[in-house]
Protein backbone atom coordinates (compact mmCIF):
# COMPACT_ATOMS: atom_id res chain seq x y z
CA MET A 1 51.03 -2.98 182.51
CA PRO A 2 53.38 -1.29 180.04
CA PRO A 3 53.10 2.41 179.12
CA HIS A 4 49.91 3.22 177.24
CA LEU A 5 47.23 5.88 176.86
CA SER A 6 43.51 6.04 176.37
CA THR A 7 41.84 8.34 173.87
CA LYS A 8 39.24 9.25 176.52
CA GLU A 9 39.54 9.75 180.28
CA ALA A 10 39.47 6.71 182.57
CA ILE A 11 38.38 6.38 186.19
CA VAL A 12 40.16 3.78 188.33
CA ILE A 13 38.38 2.54 191.48
CA VAL A 14 40.60 0.32 193.63
CA GLN A 15 38.85 -2.62 195.28
CA ASN A 16 41.84 -4.43 196.82
CA GLY A 17 45.60 -4.50 196.99
CA GLU A 18 48.19 -1.89 196.12
CA ALA A 19 49.75 -0.53 192.95
CA VAL A 20 51.70 2.43 191.65
CA LEU A 21 50.20 4.31 188.72
CA VAL A 22 52.95 6.22 186.92
CA THR A 23 51.78 9.33 185.05
CA ASN A 24 53.99 12.13 183.73
CA SER A 25 56.92 10.68 185.72
CA GLU A 26 54.90 10.91 188.96
CA ASN A 27 54.29 7.87 191.16
CA ASN A 28 50.69 7.73 192.38
CA HIS A 29 50.29 5.10 195.11
CA LEU A 30 46.89 3.42 194.98
CA SER A 31 45.27 1.22 197.60
CA LYS A 32 41.81 -0.04 198.58
CA ASN A 33 39.00 2.54 198.11
CA ASP A 34 41.20 5.02 196.20
CA VAL A 35 39.78 6.64 193.08
CA PHE A 36 42.02 8.10 190.38
CA ILE A 37 41.05 9.91 187.17
CA ILE A 38 43.43 9.51 184.25
CA PRO A 39 42.90 12.30 181.70
CA ALA A 40 42.64 11.43 178.01
CA ALA A 41 45.92 11.02 176.12
CA VAL A 42 48.10 10.86 179.26
CA VAL A 43 50.72 8.11 178.97
CA HIS A 44 50.68 5.94 182.08
CA SER A 45 51.73 2.52 183.37
CA LEU A 46 50.76 0.36 186.32
CA LEU A 47 53.12 -1.44 188.70
CA ILE A 48 51.23 -3.95 190.84
CA LYS A 49 52.55 -4.30 194.39
CA ASN A 50 50.06 -6.59 196.16
CA LYS A 51 47.05 -8.51 194.75
CA PHE A 52 45.66 -5.48 192.95
CA LYS A 53 42.03 -5.46 191.84
CA ALA A 54 40.27 -2.42 190.39
CA ILE A 55 37.34 -1.32 188.28
CA VAL A 56 38.18 0.94 185.34
CA ILE A 57 35.38 3.03 183.86
CA MET A 58 35.93 4.25 180.30
CA ASP A 59 33.80 5.61 177.46
CA LEU A 60 32.68 2.97 174.96
CA ASP A 61 34.55 4.87 172.24
CA SER A 62 37.85 4.80 174.16
CA GLU A 63 40.84 3.24 172.45
CA ILE A 64 43.96 2.07 174.24
CA GLU A 65 47.26 2.75 172.48
CA PHE A 66 50.52 1.23 173.73
CA VAL A 67 53.66 3.36 173.44
CA ASN A 68 57.34 2.40 173.29
């Protein structure tokens, strides 16, 4: 997923697979059962490594904005 941000925080709960969540130039390796909180307005991207499946919990008023 290309670089983007959410106007509200998001909670990522990994169900399967592996991915790298890039935030503030940091690589956060995610795998099954990991939970990661992405603060509001933090630009991030997702690099899927292996059959990644996750639940993302966001406020109903959240808006996703893609950045260049």
